[in-house]
Amino acid sequence: MTNLLPLIRARLLEQVDIPYQDGCRAFFKETINPLGVRAAQVNRLAAEVARLVRDWDTPHVWKLCRALWATGVMEEGSLACKLAARPERHLDREDFPELEDWLGRHVSNWAHCDDLCTHAIGSLLLHYKEVRPRTEAWVGSPNRWLRRGAAVAFIPLTKAGELRSILARADTLLPDSDDLVRKGLGWLLKEAGRHQPGPMRDYLLSRREQMARVALRIAVEKLPEITRREIMRKRGK
């Protein structure tokens, strides 16, 4: 592992784009530390590193990922997220505490939050229903990324049609006042509406007075136009 970290950094430094680095800093409201490597190149490097660690056991891969997080470099945190989500990792319920620790301790921007939660963590929640209750505490956490994660980690459930679980989670997040959490909630509901527009119309009509406008506006994006107009008009707030 000690030899792999310098190799990863060297490969990233070969692909630095300074104007892109400046654009990344301007794009995020949070303080980030990007080298300036574009997402497609990070994805290719993730595939390359995955081949190099293909025969490693999970504890050693997690050790590498923790070392990547520890650098504080944007692209290296992204690599950790992508390595965790690789299909050859065969994530199991026992991996949840490791991934939850990353979300609570290392994630400090929405890009890492969404990458980690919609792929590695979301896959765990989809395949191991017994793990889902362990995310309930995220809803009331002072950590905004855990709260956003409580929404976006349920996005993989939308394709599986698990609307009851999704709407129960959405109800717990309605009072949240953080715009990034509200946008995560809206994204979750938008994806649910993509697959089950009828039930989502009924839910949004019943909750539109309680839901922040930014969340509602995102939630209706994939619904038919006539339904969008119906939900968005005559709101009390």
Protein backbone atom coordinates (compact mmCIF):
# COMPACT_ATOMS: atom_id res chain seq x y z
CA MET A 1 0.00 0.00 0.00
CA THR A 2 2.86 2.38 0.80
CA ASN A 3 4.01 2.15 -2.82
CA LEU A 4 0.54 2.60 -4.26
CA LEU A 5 -0.23 5.97 -2.66
CA PRO A 6 2.68 7.79 -4.36
CA LEU A 7 1.74 6.11 -7.64
CA ILE A 8 -1.83 7.36 -7.35
CA ARG A 9 -0.68 10.89 -6.60
CA ALA A 10 1.79 10.82 -9.49
CA ARG A 11 -0.89 9.64 -11.90
CA LEU A 12 -3.21 12.42 -10.74
CA LEU A 13 -0.52 15.08 -11.03
CA GLU A 14 0.10 14.05 -14.64
CA GLN A 15 -3.46 15.09 -15.45
CA VAL A 16 -3.85 18.36 -13.58
CA ASP A 17 -5.77 21.10 -15.39
CA ILE A 18 -5.22 24.40 -13.56
CA PRO A 19 -8.21 26.27 -15.09
CA TYR A 20 -10.38 23.29 -14.15
CA GLN A 21 -8.96 23.40 -10.62
CA ASP A 22 -9.92 27.07 -10.34
CA GLY A 23 -13.38 26.29 -11.67
CA CYS A 24 -13.87 23.54 -9.07
CA ARG A 25 -13.01 25.91 -6.22
CA ALA A 26 -15.45 28.50 -7.57
CA PHE A 27 -18.21 25.92 -8.09
CA PHE A 28 -18.32 24.57 -4.54
CA LYS A 29 -19.48 26.73 -1.67
CA GLU A 30 -17.62 24.45 0.71
CA THR A 31 -13.85 24.68 1.02
CA ILE A 32 -12.31 21.93 -1.10
CA ASN A 33 -8.76 20.98 -2.04
CA PRO A 34 -8.80 19.85 -5.69
CA LEU A 35 -5.76 19.05 -7.79
CA GLY A 36 -7.79 19.86 -10.90
CA VAL A 37 -8.26 16.42 -12.48
CA ARG A 38 -11.42 15.93 -14.49
CA ALA A 39 -13.99 13.33 -13.45
CA ALA A 40 -13.49 11.08 -16.49
CA GLN A 41 -9.78 10.82 -15.71
CA VAL A 42 -10.49 10.08 -12.05
CA ASN A 43 -12.86 7.31 -13.16
CA ARG A 44 -10.20 5.80 -15.40
CA LEU A 45 -7.65 5.92 -12.59
CA ALA A 46 -10.16 4.26 -10.23
CA ALA A 47 -10.48 1.37 -12.69
CA GLU A 48 -6.69 1.14 -12.94
CA VAL A 49 -6.25 1.09 -9.15
CA ALA A 50 -9.06 -1.46 -8.82
CA ARG A 51 -7.11 -3.83 -11.05
CA LEU A 52 -4.00 -3.37 -8.92
CA VAL A 53 -5.85 -4.21 -5.70
CA ARG A 54 -8.07 -6.91 -7.20
CA ASP A 55 -6.52 -9.64 -5.04
CA TRP A 56 -6.42 -7.61 -1.82
CA ASP A 57 -8.74 -8.55 1.00
CA THR A 58 -11.31 -5.99 2.11
CA PRO A 59 -9.46 -4.75 5.24
CA HIS A 60 -6.44 -3.84 3.11
CA VAL A 61 -8.59 -2.03 0.56
CA TRP A 62 -10.28 -0.08 3.35
CA LYS A 63 -6.85 0.82 4.74
CA LEU A 64 -5.90 2.25 1.36
CA CYS A 65 -9.18 4.15 1.16
CA ARG A 66 -8.68 5.65 4.61
CA ALA A 67 -5.23 6.80 3.55
CA LEU A 68 -6.74 8.43 0.47
CA TRP A 69 -9.33 10.25 2.60
CA ALA A 70 -6.62 11.38 5.01
CA THR A 71 -4.88 13.44 2.32
CA GLY A 72 -7.82 15.84 2.11
CA VAL A 73 -7.41 15.97 -1.68
CA MET A 74 -10.73 16.06 -3.53
CA GLU A 75 -9.80 13.55 -6.21
CA GLU A 76 -8.32 11.08 -3.74
CA GLY A 77 -11.50 11.11 -1.68
CA SER A 78 -13.39 10.46 -4.90
CA LEU A 79 -11.12 7.49 -5.61
CA ALA A 80 -11.97 6.05 -2.19
CA CYS A 81 -15.69 6.33 -3.01
CA LYS A 82 -15.23 4.67 -6.38
CA LEU A 83 -13.06 1.83 -5.06
CA ALA A 84 -15.69 1.04 -2.44
CA ALA A 85 -18.40 0.83 -5.10
CA ARG A 86 -16.53 -1.46 -7.49
CA PRO A 87 -18.56 -4.63 -8.14
CA GLU A 88 -15.61 -6.87 -7.31
CA ARG A 89 -15.69 -5.54 -3.74
CA HIS A 90 -18.84 -7.61 -3.04
CA LEU A 91 -19.95 -5.34 -0.22
CA ASP A 92 -21.55 -7.01 2.77
CA ARG A 93 -23.55 -5.73 5.74
CA GLU A 94 -20.35 -5.87 7.82
CA ASP A 95 -18.90 -3.11 5.63
CA PHE A 96 -21.54 -0.59 6.68
CA PRO A 97 -19.69 0.79 9.75
CA GLU A 98 -16.63 1.54 7.62
CA LEU A 99 -18.62 3.44 5.00
CA GLU A 100 -20.69 5.24 7.63
CA ASP A 101 -17.47 6.38 9.29
CA TRP A 102 -16.27 7.89 6.01
CA LEU A 103 -19.53 9.78 5.62
CA GLY A 104 -19.44 11.09 9.17
CA ARG A 105 -15.73 11.89 9.44
CA HIS A 106 -14.30 12.52 5.99
CA VAL A 107 -17.04 13.78 3.70
CA SER A 108 -17.17 17.58 3.59
CA ASN A 109 -18.91 18.37 0.29
CA TRP A 110 -21.99 17.28 -1.62
CA ALA A 111 -20.04 15.58 -4.41
CA HIS A 112 -18.38 13.09 -2.07
CA CYS A 113 -21.62 12.67 -0.14
CA ASP A 114 -23.59 11.82 -3.26
CA ASP A 115 -20.92 9.57 -4.77
CA LEU A 116 -20.51 7.54 -1.59
CA CYS A 117 -24.21 7.37 -0.74
CA THR A 118 -25.76 6.67 -4.12
CA HIS A 119 -23.28 3.92 -4.94
CA ALA A 120 -21.50 2.01 -2.14
CA ILE A 121 -23.84 2.83 0.76
CA GLY A 122 -26.93 2.82 -1.42
CA SER A 123 -26.04 -0.64 -2.73
CA LEU A 124 -25.77 -1.94 0.82
CA LEU A 125 -29.15 -0.48 1.77
CA LEU A 126 -30.74 -1.97 -1.34
CA HIS A 127 -29.45 -5.48 -0.74
CA TYR A 128 -29.50 -5.60 3.06
CA LYS A 129 -32.76 -4.22 4.40
CA GLU A 130 -31.68 -4.91 7.97
CA VAL A 131 -29.00 -2.21 7.63
CA ARG A 132 -31.47 0.57 6.79
CA PRO A 133 -32.55 1.33 10.37
CA ARG A 134 -28.96 2.22 11.15
CA THR A 135 -29.36 5.29 8.93
CA GLU A 136 -32.31 6.64 10.92
CA ALA A 137 -29.98 8.41 13.35
CA TRP A 138 -28.53 10.37 10.42
CA VAL A 139 -31.78 12.32 10.10
CA GLY A 140 -31.24 14.13 13.40
CA SER A 141 -27.47 14.46 13.17
CA PRO A 142 -25.80 17.88 13.42
CA ASN A 143 -23.68 16.73 10.47
CA ARG A 144 -25.37 18.00 7.29
CA TRP A 145 -23.72 15.29 5.16
CA LEU A 146 -25.21 12.53 7.26
CA ARG A 147 -28.60 14.22 6.93
CA ARG A 148 -28.25 14.62 3.15
CA GLY A 149 -26.99 11.04 3.04
CA ALA A 150 -30.17 9.92 4.81
CA ALA A 151 -32.00 11.02 1.66
CA VAL A 152 -29.66 10.26 -1.23
CA ALA A 153 -28.57 6.82 0.05
CA PHE A 154 -32.18 5.72 -0.58
CA ILE A 155 -32.02 6.64 -4.28
CA PRO A 156 -31.04 3.10 -5.37
CA LEU A 157 -34.28 1.90 -3.75
CA THR A 158 -36.32 3.90 -6.26
CA LYS A 159 -35.57 1.52 -9.14
CA ALA A 160 -36.62 -1.39 -6.92
CA GLY A 161 -40.00 0.24 -6.32
CA GLU A 162 -39.59 0.41 -2.54
CA LEU A 163 -41.82 3.44 -2.25
CA ARG A 164 -43.04 2.79 1.29
CA SER A 165 -39.50 2.95 2.69
CA ILE A 166 -38.67 5.99 0.57
CA LEU A 167 -41.72 8.00 1.64
CA ALA A 168 -41.25 7.08 5.29
CA ARG A 169 -37.71 8.45 5.06
CA ALA A 170 -38.89 11.54 3.20
CA ASP A 171 -41.39 12.35 5.95
CA THR A 172 -38.62 12.39 8.57
CA LEU A 173 -36.63 14.90 6.51
CA LEU A 174 -39.42 17.38 5.73
CA PRO A 175 -38.61 19.67 8.71
CA ASP A 176 -34.92 20.02 7.80
CA SER A 177 -33.93 23.66 7.17
CA ASP A 178 -30.62 23.03 5.36
CA ASP A 179 -30.91 23.70 1.62
CA LEU A 180 -28.44 20.93 0.73
CA VAL A 181 -30.49 18.43 2.69
CA ARG A 182 -33.68 19.75 1.09
CA LYS A 183 -32.16 19.38 -2.36
CA GLY A 184 -31.11 15.82 -1.52
CA LEU A 185 -34.69 15.09 -0.45
CA GLY A 186 -36.00 16.59 -3.68
CA TRP A 187 -33.60 14.45 -5.69
CA LEU A 188 -34.76 11.28 -3.91
CA LEU A 189 -38.41 12.11 -4.60
CA LYS A 190 -37.68 13.05 -8.21
CA GLU A 191 -36.15 9.61 -8.81
CA ALA A 192 -39.12 7.95 -7.13
CA GLY A 193 -41.43 9.95 -9.40
CA ARG A 194 -39.52 8.81 -12.45
CA HIS A 195 -40.51 5.20 -11.66
CA GLN A 196 -43.86 5.63 -9.88
CA PRO A 197 -45.43 8.92 -10.99
CA GLY A 198 -48.97 8.17 -9.81
CA PRO A 199 -48.23 7.44 -6.15
CA MET A 200 -45.69 10.28 -6.10
CA ARG A 201 -48.32 12.74 -7.35
CA ASP A 202 -50.54 11.77 -4.42
CA TYR A 203 -47.70 12.03 -1.92
CA LEU A 204 -46.50 15.42 -3.13
CA LEU A 205 -50.01 16.85 -3.15
CA SER A 206 -50.45 15.73 0.44
CA ARG A 207 -47.11 17.16 1.58
CA ARG A 208 -46.66 20.25 -0.55
CA GLU A 209 -47.57 22.64 2.26
CA GLN A 210 -44.96 21.09 4.54
CA MET A 211 -42.19 20.71 1.98
CA ALA A 212 -39.62 23.42 1.27
CA ARG A 213 -40.13 24.92 -2.18
CA VAL A 214 -36.63 23.97 -3.37
CA ALA A 215 -37.31 20.31 -2.51
CA LEU A 216 -40.74 20.36 -4.13
CA ARG A 217 -39.46 22.02 -7.28
CA ILE A 218 -36.84 19.28 -7.73
CA ALA A 219 -39.26 16.51 -6.77
CA VAL A 220 -41.70 17.27 -9.59
CA GLU A 221 -39.11 17.49 -12.38
CA LYS A 222 -39.79 14.06 -13.90
CA LEU A 223 -43.55 14.12 -13.54
CA PRO A 224 -45.88 14.95 -16.46
CA GLU A 225 -46.23 18.67 -17.06
CA ILE A 226 -49.89 18.76 -16.08
CA THR A 227 -49.04 17.04 -12.79
CA ARG A 228 -46.17 19.45 -12.12
CA ARG A 229 -48.50 22.42 -12.56
CA GLU A 230 -51.11 20.83 -10.31
CA ILE A 231 -48.63 20.26 -7.50
CA MET A 232 -46.86 23.61 -7.70
CA ARG A 233 -49.90 25.90 -7.85
CA LYS A 234 -51.76 27.36 -4.87
CA ARG A 235 -49.16 26.59 -2.30
CA GLY A 236 -49.66 28.33 0.99
CA LYS A 237 -45.95 29.03 1.40
